[in-house]
Amino acid sequence: MSPMADHSSKVHAEAPCYETSWLCVFEAVSPYMWSYMGIAFALGISVIGAAWGIFLTGSSIVGGGIKAPRISSKNLVSIIFCEAVAIYGVIMAIIMANKIEGSLIFDVTSQLEAWQAQTMVAGWCMFCVGLSVGFSNLFAGSASVRRAAAGDVREDAHRGDLRQRAGAVRSHRR
């Protein structure tokens, strides 16, 4: 074997994992970074979902309030529900941040110790939890709360006695 071929095999053997495989990129990134990215996604996407719901619900309230001014204060509960989505994202981000137990240096070696493997899995799990919290709040704020609130505002603006009539029917059946 030539000296050049021997040298290239040594260089290839010493190359870090992330230079030889795309799947090793996930191992090369610090699990603490994955955790903090999950926290950022939980907080950020939840706030975006709440803001989107507040924007669309608020525009429905303003539009309905032009037609029937009595509904402006009556339907502010819908805005509070959208804010609750953002508050849930903030609470989850705080809980997730309190679960992180840090280490000053986290080096990935070819042979992982048990605590290193557990820390890597925990980082990926925190990332997935952050994504699931963020996107569930995005969909809750933008779809569920907004559709229910916007429909309620429109119906109340068209037929203001709807809620009173529904209550009268319930009390009459008793």
N, C-alpha and C. Protein backbone atom coordinates (compact mmCIF):
# COMPACT_ATOMS: atom_id res chain seq x y z
N MET A 1 0.84 -1.16 0.00
CA MET A 1 0.00 0.00 0.00
C MET A 1 0.90 1.23 0.00
N SER A 2 0.49 2.23 -0.73
CA SER A 2 1.32 3.43 -0.85
C SER A 2 1.14 4.30 0.40
N PRO A 3 2.13 5.13 0.68
CA PRO A 3 2.02 6.00 1.86
C PRO A 3 0.84 6.98 1.75
N MET A 4 0.51 7.38 0.51
CA MET A 4 -0.60 8.32 0.33
C MET A 4 -1.93 7.65 0.68
N ALA A 5 -2.12 6.40 0.29
CA ALA A 5 -3.36 5.68 0.59
C ALA A 5 -3.47 5.44 2.10
N ASP A 6 -2.33 5.16 2.75
CA ASP A 6 -2.34 4.95 4.19
C ASP A 6 -2.73 6.24 4.91
N HIS A 7 -2.25 7.37 4.42
CA HIS A 7 -2.57 8.66 5.03
C HIS A 7 -4.06 8.99 4.86
N SER A 8 -4.64 8.72 3.70
CA SER A 8 -6.05 9.04 3.48
C SER A 8 -6.96 8.16 4.34
N SER A 9 -6.58 6.92 4.59
CA SER A 9 -7.41 6.08 5.45
C SER A 9 -7.36 6.55 6.90
N LYS A 10 -6.23 7.09 7.33
CA LYS A 10 -6.14 7.64 8.69
C LYS A 10 -6.99 8.90 8.82
N VAL A 11 -6.97 9.73 7.79
CA VAL A 11 -7.76 10.95 7.83
C VAL A 11 -9.25 10.61 7.84
N HIS A 12 -9.65 9.61 7.04
CA HIS A 12 -11.05 9.22 6.99
C HIS A 12 -11.51 8.61 8.31
N ALA A 13 -10.62 7.87 8.97
CA ALA A 13 -10.99 7.24 10.24
C ALA A 13 -11.11 8.28 11.35
N GLU A 14 -10.37 9.37 11.27
CA GLU A 14 -10.40 10.39 12.29
C GLU A 14 -11.47 11.45 12.05
N ALA A 15 -12.17 11.39 10.92
CA ALA A 15 -13.18 12.39 10.60
C ALA A 15 -14.36 12.25 11.57
N PRO A 16 -14.89 13.38 12.01
CA PRO A 16 -16.05 13.30 12.90
C PRO A 16 -17.25 12.69 12.19
N CYS A 17 -18.17 12.24 12.98
CA CYS A 17 -19.34 11.53 12.48
C CYS A 17 -20.15 12.39 11.52
N TYR A 18 -20.31 13.69 11.82
CA TYR A 18 -21.16 14.55 11.01
C TYR A 18 -20.58 14.83 9.63
N GLU A 19 -19.29 14.52 9.41
CA GLU A 19 -18.71 14.70 8.09
C GLU A 19 -18.89 13.47 7.22
N THR A 20 -19.30 12.36 7.79
CA THR A 20 -19.44 11.13 7.01
C THR A 20 -20.90 10.73 6.79
N SER A 21 -21.83 11.22 7.59
CA SER A 21 -23.22 10.82 7.47
C SER A 21 -24.13 11.99 7.83
N TRP A 22 -25.24 12.10 7.10
CA TRP A 22 -26.19 13.16 7.40
C TRP A 22 -26.94 12.89 8.69
N LEU A 23 -27.15 11.65 9.03
CA LEU A 23 -27.86 11.33 10.27
C LEU A 23 -27.06 11.70 11.50
N CYS A 24 -25.76 11.76 11.37
CA CYS A 24 -24.94 12.12 12.51
C CYS A 24 -25.00 13.61 12.83
N VAL A 25 -25.59 14.39 11.95
CA VAL A 25 -25.75 15.82 12.23
C VAL A 25 -26.61 16.01 13.47
N PHE A 26 -27.63 15.15 13.63
CA PHE A 26 -28.49 15.25 14.81
C PHE A 26 -27.71 14.96 16.09
N GLU A 27 -26.74 14.08 16.01
CA GLU A 27 -25.91 13.78 17.18
C GLU A 27 -24.88 14.86 17.44
N ALA A 28 -24.45 15.54 16.38
CA ALA A 28 -23.40 16.54 16.53
C ALA A 28 -23.92 17.82 17.17
N VAL A 29 -25.20 18.09 17.02
CA VAL A 29 -25.79 19.29 17.61
C VAL A 29 -26.05 19.03 19.09
N SER A 30 -25.74 20.00 19.90
CA SER A 30 -25.90 19.86 21.34
C SER A 30 -27.36 19.60 21.72
N PRO A 31 -27.60 18.67 22.62
CA PRO A 31 -28.99 18.43 23.04
C PRO A 31 -29.59 19.63 23.76
N TYR A 32 -28.76 20.46 24.34
CA TYR A 32 -29.27 21.66 24.99
C TYR A 32 -29.79 22.64 23.95
N MET A 33 -29.17 22.68 22.78
CA MET A 33 -29.68 23.52 21.71
C MET A 33 -31.04 23.01 21.23
N TRP A 34 -31.19 21.68 21.10
CA TRP A 34 -32.48 21.11 20.72
C TRP A 34 -33.54 21.49 21.76
N SER A 35 -33.18 21.43 23.03
CA SER A 35 -34.13 21.77 24.10
C SER A 35 -34.56 23.23 24.01
N TYR A 36 -33.59 24.11 23.85
CA TYR A 36 -33.91 25.53 23.80
C TYR A 36 -34.66 25.90 22.52
N MET A 37 -34.41 25.20 21.43
CA MET A 37 -35.18 25.42 20.21
C MET A 37 -36.63 24.98 20.42
N GLY A 38 -36.83 23.88 21.14
CA GLY A 38 -38.19 23.44 21.46
C GLY A 38 -38.93 24.46 22.31
N ILE A 39 -38.22 25.04 23.28
CA ILE A 39 -38.83 26.07 24.12
C ILE A 39 -39.18 27.30 23.28
N ALA A 40 -38.29 27.67 22.38
CA ALA A 40 -38.55 28.83 21.52
C ALA A 40 -39.74 28.58 20.60
N PHE A 41 -39.84 27.37 20.06
CA PHE A 41 -40.98 27.06 19.20
C PHE A 41 -42.28 27.02 20.00
N ALA A 42 -42.26 26.47 21.20
CA ALA A 42 -43.47 26.43 22.03
C ALA A 42 -43.96 27.84 22.32
N LEU A 43 -43.06 28.71 22.68
CA LEU A 43 -43.43 30.07 23.02
C LEU A 43 -43.80 30.88 21.79
N GLY A 44 -42.95 30.84 20.79
CA GLY A 44 -43.14 31.68 19.61
C GLY A 44 -44.36 31.32 18.79
N ILE A 45 -44.54 30.04 18.50
CA ILE A 45 -45.66 29.63 17.66
C ILE A 45 -46.98 29.78 18.42
N SER A 46 -46.96 29.58 19.75
CA SER A 46 -48.18 29.79 20.54
C SER A 46 -48.61 31.25 20.49
N VAL A 47 -47.66 32.15 20.59
CA VAL A 47 -47.99 33.58 20.54
C VAL A 47 -48.49 33.97 19.15
N ILE A 48 -47.91 33.37 18.10
CA ILE A 48 -48.39 33.66 16.75
C ILE A 48 -49.83 33.18 16.58
N GLY A 49 -50.14 31.98 17.09
CA GLY A 49 -51.50 31.48 17.01
C GLY A 49 -52.48 32.35 17.75
N ALA A 50 -52.09 32.80 18.94
CA ALA A 50 -52.98 33.68 19.72
C ALA A 50 -53.16 35.03 19.02
N ALA A 51 -52.08 35.56 18.48
CA ALA A 51 -52.18 36.85 17.79
C ALA A 51 -53.06 36.75 16.55
N TRP A 52 -52.94 35.64 15.84
CA TRP A 52 -53.77 35.44 14.66
C TRP A 52 -55.25 35.33 15.06
N GLY A 53 -55.52 34.59 16.11
CA GLY A 53 -56.90 34.47 16.59
C GLY A 53 -57.45 35.80 17.09
N ILE A 54 -56.64 36.57 17.81
CA ILE A 54 -57.08 37.87 18.31
C ILE A 54 -57.34 38.83 17.15
N PHE A 55 -56.47 38.78 16.16
CA PHE A 55 -56.65 39.65 14.99
C PHE A 55 -57.97 39.35 14.27
N LEU A 56 -58.22 38.09 14.01
CA LEU A 56 -59.43 37.74 13.26
C LEU A 56 -60.69 37.89 14.11
N THR A 57 -60.61 37.54 15.38
CA THR A 57 -61.77 37.70 16.26
C THR A 57 -62.05 39.18 16.49
N GLY A 58 -61.00 39.95 16.70
CA GLY A 58 -61.17 41.39 16.91
C GLY A 58 -61.77 42.09 15.71
N SER A 59 -61.34 41.68 14.52
CA SER A 59 -61.93 42.30 13.32
C SER A 59 -63.39 41.90 13.18
N SER A 60 -63.75 40.69 13.59
CA SER A 60 -65.17 40.30 13.56
C SER A 60 -65.98 41.12 14.57
N ILE A 61 -65.41 41.35 15.75
CA ILE A 61 -66.11 42.14 16.77
C ILE A 61 -66.28 43.59 16.29
N VAL A 62 -65.23 44.14 15.68
CA VAL A 62 -65.33 45.51 15.19
C VAL A 62 -66.36 45.59 14.06
N GLY A 63 -66.32 44.61 13.14
CA GLY A 63 -67.29 44.61 12.05
C GLY A 63 -68.71 44.41 12.54
N GLY A 64 -68.91 43.51 13.50
CA GLY A 64 -70.23 43.31 14.06
C GLY A 64 -70.67 44.47 14.92
N GLY A 65 -69.71 45.14 15.58
CA GLY A 65 -70.03 46.29 16.42
C GLY A 65 -70.51 47.48 15.61
N ILE A 66 -70.14 47.54 14.35
CA ILE A 66 -70.64 48.62 13.49
C ILE A 66 -72.13 48.41 13.22
N LYS A 67 -72.48 47.15 12.99
CA LYS A 67 -73.89 46.85 12.71
C LYS A 67 -74.75 46.89 13.98
N ALA A 68 -74.22 46.33 15.05
CA ALA A 68 -74.97 46.29 16.31
C ALA A 68 -74.01 46.65 17.45
N PRO A 69 -73.98 47.89 17.91
CA PRO A 69 -73.01 48.32 18.92
C PRO A 69 -73.09 47.58 20.25
N ARG A 70 -74.20 46.93 20.54
CA ARG A 70 -74.35 46.25 21.83
C ARG A 70 -73.42 45.05 21.97
N ILE A 71 -72.89 44.52 20.87
CA ILE A 71 -72.11 43.29 20.97
C ILE A 71 -70.63 43.53 21.24
N SER A 72 -70.19 44.77 21.22
CA SER A 72 -68.75 45.03 21.37
C SER A 72 -68.21 44.52 22.69
N SER A 73 -68.88 44.80 23.77
CA SER A 73 -68.38 44.35 25.07
C SER A 73 -68.85 42.95 25.42
N LYS A 74 -69.93 42.51 24.82
CA LYS A 74 -70.48 41.19 25.15
C LYS A 74 -69.60 40.05 24.61
N ASN A 75 -68.90 40.29 23.53
CA ASN A 75 -68.12 39.22 22.90
C ASN A 75 -66.62 39.33 23.15
N LEU A 76 -66.20 40.07 24.15
CA LEU A 76 -64.78 40.15 24.48
C LEU A 76 -64.25 38.86 25.10
N VAL A 77 -65.12 37.96 25.51
CA VAL A 77 -64.69 36.67 26.05
C VAL A 77 -63.92 35.89 24.99
N SER A 78 -64.28 36.07 23.73
CA SER A 78 -63.58 35.39 22.65
C SER A 78 -62.11 35.83 22.58
N ILE A 79 -61.86 37.09 22.82
CA ILE A 79 -60.48 37.59 22.85
C ILE A 79 -59.73 36.97 24.02
N ILE A 80 -60.39 36.82 25.14
CA ILE A 80 -59.75 36.22 26.32
C ILE A 80 -59.37 34.77 26.05
N PHE A 81 -60.21 34.04 25.32
CA PHE A 81 -59.87 32.66 24.96
C PHE A 81 -58.63 32.61 24.09
N CYS A 82 -58.50 33.55 23.17
CA CYS A 82 -57.29 33.59 22.34
C CYS A 82 -56.06 33.91 23.17
N GLU A 83 -56.20 34.79 24.14
CA GLU A 83 -55.08 35.11 25.03
C GLU A 83 -54.69 33.91 25.87
N ALA A 84 -55.67 33.09 26.24
CA ALA A 84 -55.37 31.89 27.03
C ALA A 84 -54.47 30.93 26.27
N VAL A 85 -54.58 30.91 24.94
CA VAL A 85 -53.70 30.07 24.13
C VAL A 85 -52.26 30.53 24.28
N ALA A 86 -52.02 31.83 24.25
CA ALA A 86 -50.67 32.34 24.42
C ALA A 86 -50.15 32.09 25.83
N ILE A 87 -51.02 32.24 26.81
CA ILE A 87 -50.61 32.00 28.20
C ILE A 87 -50.23 30.54 28.40
N TYR A 88 -50.96 29.63 27.77
CA TYR A 88 -50.61 28.21 27.85
C TYR A 88 -49.23 27.96 27.24
N GLY A 89 -48.90 28.61 26.13
CA GLY A 89 -47.58 28.48 25.54
C GLY A 89 -46.48 29.01 26.45
N VAL A 90 -46.75 30.11 27.14
CA VAL A 90 -45.77 30.68 28.07
C VAL A 90 -45.57 29.74 29.26
N ILE A 91 -46.66 29.19 29.78
CA ILE A 91 -46.55 28.27 30.93
C ILE A 91 -45.77 27.02 30.54
N MET A 92 -46.05 26.48 29.38
CA MET A 92 -45.32 25.29 28.93
C MET A 92 -43.84 25.60 28.71
N ALA A 93 -43.53 26.77 28.18
CA ALA A 93 -42.13 27.15 27.99
C ALA A 93 -41.40 27.27 29.33
N ILE A 94 -42.07 27.81 30.34
CA ILE A 94 -41.45 27.92 31.67
C ILE A 94 -41.23 26.54 32.26
N ILE A 95 -42.22 25.66 32.14
CA ILE A 95 -42.06 24.29 32.66
C ILE A 95 -40.92 23.58 31.95
N MET A 96 -40.85 23.72 30.64
CA MET A 96 -39.78 23.06 29.88
C MET A 96 -38.41 23.62 30.26
N ALA A 97 -38.32 24.93 30.46
CA ALA A 97 -37.04 25.54 30.82
C ALA A 97 -36.58 25.07 32.20
N ASN A 98 -37.51 24.83 33.10
CA ASN A 98 -37.15 24.37 34.44
C ASN A 98 -36.72 22.91 34.45
N LYS A 99 -37.03 22.16 33.41
CA LYS A 99 -36.64 20.75 33.35
C LYS A 99 -35.20 20.55 32.87
N ILE A 100 -34.57 21.59 32.35
CA ILE A 100 -33.22 21.46 31.81
C ILE A 100 -32.20 21.51 32.93
N GLU A 101 -31.38 20.48 33.00
CA GLU A 101 -30.25 20.46 33.93
C GLU A 101 -29.00 20.55 33.08
N GLY A 102 -28.31 21.66 33.16
CA GLY A 102 -27.22 21.95 32.23
C GLY A 102 -25.89 21.31 32.58
N SER A 103 -25.05 21.30 31.59
CA SER A 103 -23.67 20.86 31.71
C SER A 103 -22.83 21.87 30.95
N LEU A 104 -21.68 22.22 31.48
CA LEU A 104 -20.86 23.22 30.82
C LEU A 104 -20.33 22.74 29.47
N ILE A 105 -19.91 21.50 29.41
CA ILE A 105 -19.34 20.94 28.18
C ILE A 105 -20.06 19.65 27.86
N PHE A 106 -20.51 19.55 26.61
CA PHE A 106 -21.15 18.30 26.16
C PHE A 106 -20.46 17.90 24.87
N ASP A 107 -19.55 16.96 24.96
CA ASP A 107 -18.84 16.46 23.79
C ASP A 107 -19.35 15.09 23.43
N VAL A 108 -19.63 14.90 22.15
CA VAL A 108 -20.07 13.60 21.67
C VAL A 108 -18.84 12.82 21.22
N THR A 109 -18.66 11.67 21.82
CA THR A 109 -17.54 10.81 21.45
C THR A 109 -18.07 9.61 20.69
N SER A 110 -17.18 8.77 20.20
CA SER A 110 -17.62 7.60 19.45
C SER A 110 -18.37 6.62 20.34
N GLN A 111 -17.98 6.52 21.60
CA GLN A 111 -18.68 5.67 22.56
C GLN A 111 -19.42 6.57 23.55
N LEU A 112 -20.73 6.54 23.48
CA LEU A 112 -21.51 7.37 24.38
C LEU A 112 -21.67 6.70 25.73
N GLU A 113 -21.59 7.50 26.76
CA GLU A 113 -21.91 7.01 28.09
C GLU A 113 -23.43 7.08 28.26
N ALA A 114 -23.92 6.46 29.29
CA ALA A 114 -25.38 6.39 29.49
C ALA A 114 -25.98 7.78 29.68
N TRP A 115 -25.33 8.65 30.45
CA TRP A 115 -25.88 9.98 30.69
C TRP A 115 -25.88 10.82 29.42
N GLN A 116 -24.88 10.59 28.54
CA GLN A 116 -24.86 11.33 27.28
C GLN A 116 -26.01 10.92 26.38
N ALA A 117 -26.26 9.62 26.29
CA ALA A 117 -27.37 9.13 25.46
C ALA A 117 -28.71 9.62 26.01
N GLN A 118 -28.87 9.59 27.32
CA GLN A 118 -30.11 10.07 27.93
C GLN A 118 -30.30 11.57 27.70
N THR A 119 -29.21 12.32 27.76
CA THR A 119 -29.29 13.76 27.53
C THR A 119 -29.65 14.06 26.08
N MET A 120 -29.11 13.29 25.15
CA MET A 120 -29.44 13.51 23.74
C MET A 120 -30.90 13.20 23.46
N VAL A 121 -31.40 12.11 24.00
CA VAL A 121 -32.81 11.75 23.81
C VAL A 121 -33.71 12.79 24.47
N ALA A 122 -33.33 13.26 25.64
CA ALA A 122 -34.12 14.28 26.33
C ALA A 122 -34.17 15.58 25.51
N GLY A 123 -33.07 15.94 24.89
CA GLY A 123 -33.04 17.14 24.05
C GLY A 123 -33.96 17.02 22.86
N TRP A 124 -33.93 15.86 22.21
CA TRP A 124 -34.82 15.65 21.06
C TRP A 124 -36.28 15.63 21.50
N CYS A 125 -36.56 15.04 22.67
CA CYS A 125 -37.93 15.00 23.18
C CYS A 125 -38.43 16.41 23.51
N MET A 126 -37.57 17.23 24.09
CA MET A 126 -37.97 18.61 24.40
C MET A 126 -38.25 19.38 23.12
N PHE A 127 -37.48 19.11 22.08
CA PHE A 127 -37.72 19.76 20.79
C PHE A 127 -39.09 19.36 20.24
N CYS A 128 -39.39 18.07 20.29
CA CYS A 128 -40.68 17.57 19.79
C CYS A 128 -41.85 18.08 20.64
N VAL A 129 -41.66 18.17 21.94
CA VAL A 129 -42.71 18.71 22.81
C VAL A 129 -42.95 20.18 22.47
N GLY A 130 -41.89 20.92 22.24
CA GLY A 130 -42.04 22.33 21.87
C GLY A 130 -42.79 22.50 20.56
N LEU A 131 -42.46 21.66 19.58
CA LEU A 131 -43.18 21.73 18.31
C LEU A 131 -44.66 21.37 18.48
N SER A 132 -44.93 20.33 19.25
CA SER A 132 -46.34 19.92 19.41
C SER A 132 -47.14 20.96 20.18
N VAL A 133 -46.56 21.55 21.22
CA VAL A 133 -47.26 22.60 21.96
C VAL A 133 -47.48 23.82 21.07
N GLY A 134 -46.45 24.22 20.36
CA GLY A 134 -46.56 25.40 19.51
C GLY A 134 -47.59 25.24 18.41
N PHE A 135 -47.53 24.11 17.69
CA PHE A 135 -48.47 23.95 16.58
C PHE A 135 -49.89 23.67 17.05
N SER A 136 -50.05 22.99 18.18
CA SER A 136 -51.41 22.80 18.69
C SER A 136 -52.02 24.13 19.11
N ASN A 137 -51.22 25.01 19.69
CA ASN A 137 -51.72 26.33 20.06
C ASN A 137 -51.94 27.21 18.82
N LEU A 138 -51.13 27.02 17.80
CA LEU A 138 -51.34 27.76 16.56
C LEU A 138 -52.69 27.39 15.95
N PHE A 139 -52.97 26.10 15.89
CA PHE A 139 -54.24 25.66 15.32
C PHE A 139 -55.42 26.01 16.22
N ALA A 140 -55.22 25.94 17.53
CA ALA A 140 -56.30 26.29 18.45
C ALA A 140 -56.63 27.77 18.36
N GLY A 141 -55.61 28.60 18.31
CA GLY A 141 -55.85 30.04 18.26
C GLY A 141 -56.37 30.52 16.93
N SER A 142 -55.89 29.91 15.86
CA SER A 142 -56.26 30.41 14.55
C SER A 142 -57.52 29.77 14.00
N ALA A 143 -57.83 28.56 14.39
CA ALA A 143 -58.97 27.87 13.79
C ALA A 143 -60.15 27.77 14.75
N SER A 144 -59.97 27.06 15.82
CA SER A 144 -61.09 26.74 16.70
C SER A 144 -61.68 27.98 17.35
N VAL A 145 -60.85 28.71 18.06
CA VAL A 145 -61.34 29.86 18.81
C VAL A 145 -61.87 30.92 17.86
N ARG A 146 -61.14 31.14 16.79
CA ARG A 146 -61.53 32.19 15.86
C ARG A 146 -62.85 31.87 15.18
N ARG A 147 -63.01 30.64 14.71
CA ARG A 147 -64.24 30.28 14.01
C ARG A 147 -65.45 30.34 14.93
N ALA A 148 -65.30 29.84 16.12
CA ALA A 148 -66.42 29.89 17.07
C ALA A 148 -66.75 31.33 17.42
N ALA A 149 -65.74 32.14 17.67
CA ALA A 149 -65.99 33.52 18.07
C ALA A 149 -66.53 34.35 16.92
N ALA A 150 -65.98 34.18 15.73
CA ALA A 150 -66.44 34.96 14.59
C ALA A 150 -67.87 34.59 14.23
N GLY A 151 -68.20 33.30 14.28
CA GLY A 151 -69.57 32.89 14.02
C GLY A 151 -70.54 33.42 15.06
N ASP A 152 -70.10 33.41 16.32
CA ASP A 152 -70.93 33.91 17.41
C ASP A 152 -71.18 35.41 17.24
N VAL A 153 -70.15 36.15 16.88
CA VAL A 153 -70.30 37.59 16.70
C VAL A 153 -71.24 37.89 15.55
N ARG A 154 -71.07 37.20 14.42
CA ARG A 154 -71.94 37.44 13.27
C ARG A 154 -73.39 37.10 13.57
N GLU A 155 -73.60 35.98 14.22
CA GLU A 155 -74.97 35.57 14.55
C GLU A 155 -75.60 36.53 15.54
N ASP A 156 -74.82 36.99 16.50
CA ASP A 156 -75.35 37.93 17.49
C ASP A 156 -75.67 39.27 16.86
N ALA A 157 -74.85 39.68 15.87
CA ALA A 157 -75.12 40.95 15.20
C ALA A 157 -76.39 40.87 14.36
N HIS A 158 -76.65 39.71 13.76
CA HIS A 158 -77.84 39.56 12.93
C HIS A 158 -79.10 39.37 13.77
N ARG A 159 -79.00 38.52 14.79
CA ARG A 159 -80.16 38.22 15.63
C ARG A 159 -79.77 38.40 17.08
N GLY A 160 -79.99 39.57 17.61
CA GLY A 160 -79.55 39.90 18.96
C GLY A 160 -80.29 39.16 20.06
N ASP A 161 -81.52 38.72 19.78
CA ASP A 161 -82.29 38.03 20.80
C ASP A 161 -82.01 36.53 20.83
N LEU A 162 -81.02 36.08 20.09
CA LEU A 162 -80.74 34.64 19.98
C LEU A 162 -80.38 34.03 21.33
N ARG A 163 -79.51 34.67 22.08
CA ARG A 163 -79.08 34.11 23.36
C ARG A 163 -80.21 34.16 24.38
N GLN A 164 -80.99 35.24 24.39
CA GLN A 164 -82.08 35.33 25.34
C GLN A 164 -83.16 34.29 25.02
N ARG A 165 -83.43 34.08 23.73
CA ARG A 165 -84.43 33.10 23.34
C ARG A 165 -83.98 31.69 23.71
N ALA A 166 -82.68 31.39 23.51
CA ALA A 166 -82.19 30.06 23.86
C ALA A 166 -82.31 29.83 25.36
N GLY A 167 -82.05 30.84 26.17
CA GLY A 167 -82.18 30.71 27.61
C GLY A 167 -83.64 30.56 28.03
N ALA A 168 -84.54 31.26 27.33
CA ALA A 168 -85.96 31.16 27.65
C ALA A 168 -86.51 29.78 27.31
N VAL A 169 -86.03 29.20 26.23
CA VAL A 169 -86.49 27.87 25.85
C VAL A 169 -86.02 26.85 26.87
N ARG A 170 -84.78 26.99 27.33
CA ARG A 170 -84.28 26.05 28.33
C ARG A 170 -85.05 26.16 29.63
N SER A 171 -85.33 27.38 30.07
CA SER A 171 -86.03 27.54 31.34
C SER A 171 -87.50 27.14 31.21
N HIS A 172 -88.06 27.26 30.02
CA HIS A 172 -89.46 26.91 29.81
C HIS A 172 -89.66 25.40 29.85
N ARG A 173 -88.67 24.64 29.42
CA ARG A 173 -88.79 23.17 29.39
C ARG A 173 -88.71 22.56 30.78
N ARG A 174 -88.17 23.24 31.73
CA ARG A 174 -88.01 22.66 33.07
C ARG A 174 -89.27 22.50 33.72
